[in-house]
Amino acid sequence: MESIELIISGRVQGVGYRHFVANHARSLHIVGFVKNLYDGRVKVVAQGNQTAIEQLIILLQSGPRFAHVCDIEQSLFIGKENFTEFSVRF
């Protein structure tokens, strides 16, 4: 199982991006969370098999209809949280 943290920048708040992420992550059987950051970016923590995470990243590059993704920063997630589902955090 792979655990990654993604920071997505661009026009990703106020366009349904978190809901988009959550729906696709759940369909790919990925657990973790998505949340808006105060600086206008979106943070995603995803745990799942490598193939599913790679598919999620491809989907997140386009986002929903009104989103415009400029960059996705990727790093290993070094947390102790064991996720059982994918959630939207506020």
Protein backbone atom coordinates (compact mmCIF):
# COMPACT_ATOMS: atom_id res chain seq x y z
CA MET A 1 0.00 0.00 0.00
CA GLU A 2 1.28 3.43 -0.96
CA SER A 3 0.64 6.63 1.03
CA ILE A 4 1.07 9.98 -0.68
CA GLU A 5 0.31 13.63 -0.08
CA LEU A 6 -0.67 15.84 -3.01
CA ILE A 7 -0.90 19.62 -3.00
CA ILE A 8 -2.89 20.88 -5.97
CA SER A 9 -2.67 24.49 -7.07
CA GLY A 10 -4.64 26.49 -9.60
CA ARG A 11 -8.35 27.25 -9.70
CA VAL A 12 -9.30 24.35 -7.42
CA GLN A 13 -11.53 25.93 -4.78
CA GLY A 14 -15.15 26.83 -5.36
CA VAL A 15 -15.41 24.59 -8.43
CA GLY A 16 -16.39 21.23 -6.87
CA TYR A 17 -12.83 19.95 -6.83
CA ARG A 18 -13.02 18.26 -3.39
CA HIS A 19 -16.19 16.41 -4.35
CA PHE A 20 -14.57 15.38 -7.65
CA VAL A 21 -11.51 14.03 -5.78
CA ALA A 22 -13.61 12.15 -3.24
CA ASN A 23 -15.81 10.48 -5.87
CA HIS A 24 -12.86 9.28 -7.94
CA ALA A 25 -10.82 8.18 -4.92
CA ARG A 26 -13.73 6.12 -3.61
CA SER A 27 -14.31 4.52 -7.02
CA LEU A 28 -10.63 3.52 -7.08
CA HIS A 29 -10.83 2.10 -3.51
CA ILE A 30 -8.43 4.72 -2.17
CA VAL A 31 -8.73 5.89 1.44
CA GLY A 32 -7.62 9.19 2.94
CA PHE A 33 -8.97 12.73 2.69
CA VAL A 34 -9.18 15.94 0.70
CA LYS A 35 -9.37 19.46 2.13
CA ASN A 36 -9.03 23.08 1.09
CA LEU A 37 -5.97 24.96 2.31
CA TYR A 38 -6.11 28.59 3.40
CA ASP A 39 -3.83 29.68 0.55
CA GLY A 40 -6.24 28.52 -2.18
CA ARG A 41 -4.67 25.13 -2.82
CA VAL A 42 -6.16 21.69 -2.11
CA LYS A 43 -4.48 18.94 -0.10
CA VAL A 44 -5.09 15.25 -0.79
CA VAL A 45 -3.80 12.37 1.32
CA ALA A 46 -4.31 9.07 -0.48
CA GLN A 47 -3.58 5.49 0.55
CA GLY A 48 -4.06 2.60 -1.82
CA ASN A 49 -2.33 0.46 -4.38
CA GLN A 50 0.14 2.16 -6.67
CA THR A 51 -1.89 1.67 -9.85
CA ALA A 52 -5.01 3.22 -8.32
CA ILE A 53 -3.05 6.20 -7.01
CA GLU A 54 -1.45 6.74 -10.42
CA GLN A 55 -4.94 6.72 -12.00
CA LEU A 56 -6.17 9.22 -9.41
CA ILE A 57 -3.29 11.60 -10.12
CA ILE A 58 -4.12 11.52 -13.85
CA LEU A 59 -7.75 12.38 -13.08
CA LEU A 60 -6.75 15.16 -10.69
CA GLN A 61 -4.66 16.86 -13.38
CA SER A 62 -7.85 17.81 -15.23
CA GLY A 63 -10.31 18.09 -12.34
CA PRO A 64 -13.98 18.99 -12.76
CA ARG A 65 -15.32 21.20 -15.53
CA PHE A 66 -14.54 24.65 -14.08
CA ALA A 67 -11.23 23.76 -12.43
CA HIS A 68 -7.84 24.66 -13.81
CA VAL A 69 -4.94 22.72 -12.29
CA CYS A 70 -1.56 24.45 -12.55
CA ASP A 71 0.57 22.08 -10.50
CA ILE A 72 0.45 18.93 -8.36
CA GLU A 73 3.21 18.58 -5.78
CA GLN A 74 3.66 14.99 -4.65
CA SER A 75 5.41 13.64 -1.57
CA LEU A 76 5.27 10.60 0.67
CA PHE A 77 2.70 10.87 3.44
CA ILE A 78 4.42 10.29 6.75
CA GLY A 79 1.51 10.08 9.11
CA LYS A 80 0.31 7.59 11.63
CA GLU A 81 -3.34 7.80 10.70
CA ASN A 82 -5.01 4.60 9.49
CA PHE A 83 -7.81 5.55 7.14
CA THR A 84 -10.85 3.36 6.59
CA GLU A 85 -12.61 5.57 4.02
CA PHE A 86 -12.05 8.63 1.85
CA SER A 87 -13.49 11.80 3.37
CA VAL A 88 -13.86 15.49 2.65
CA ARG A 89 -12.45 17.56 5.50
CA PHE A 90 -13.32 21.15 6.29
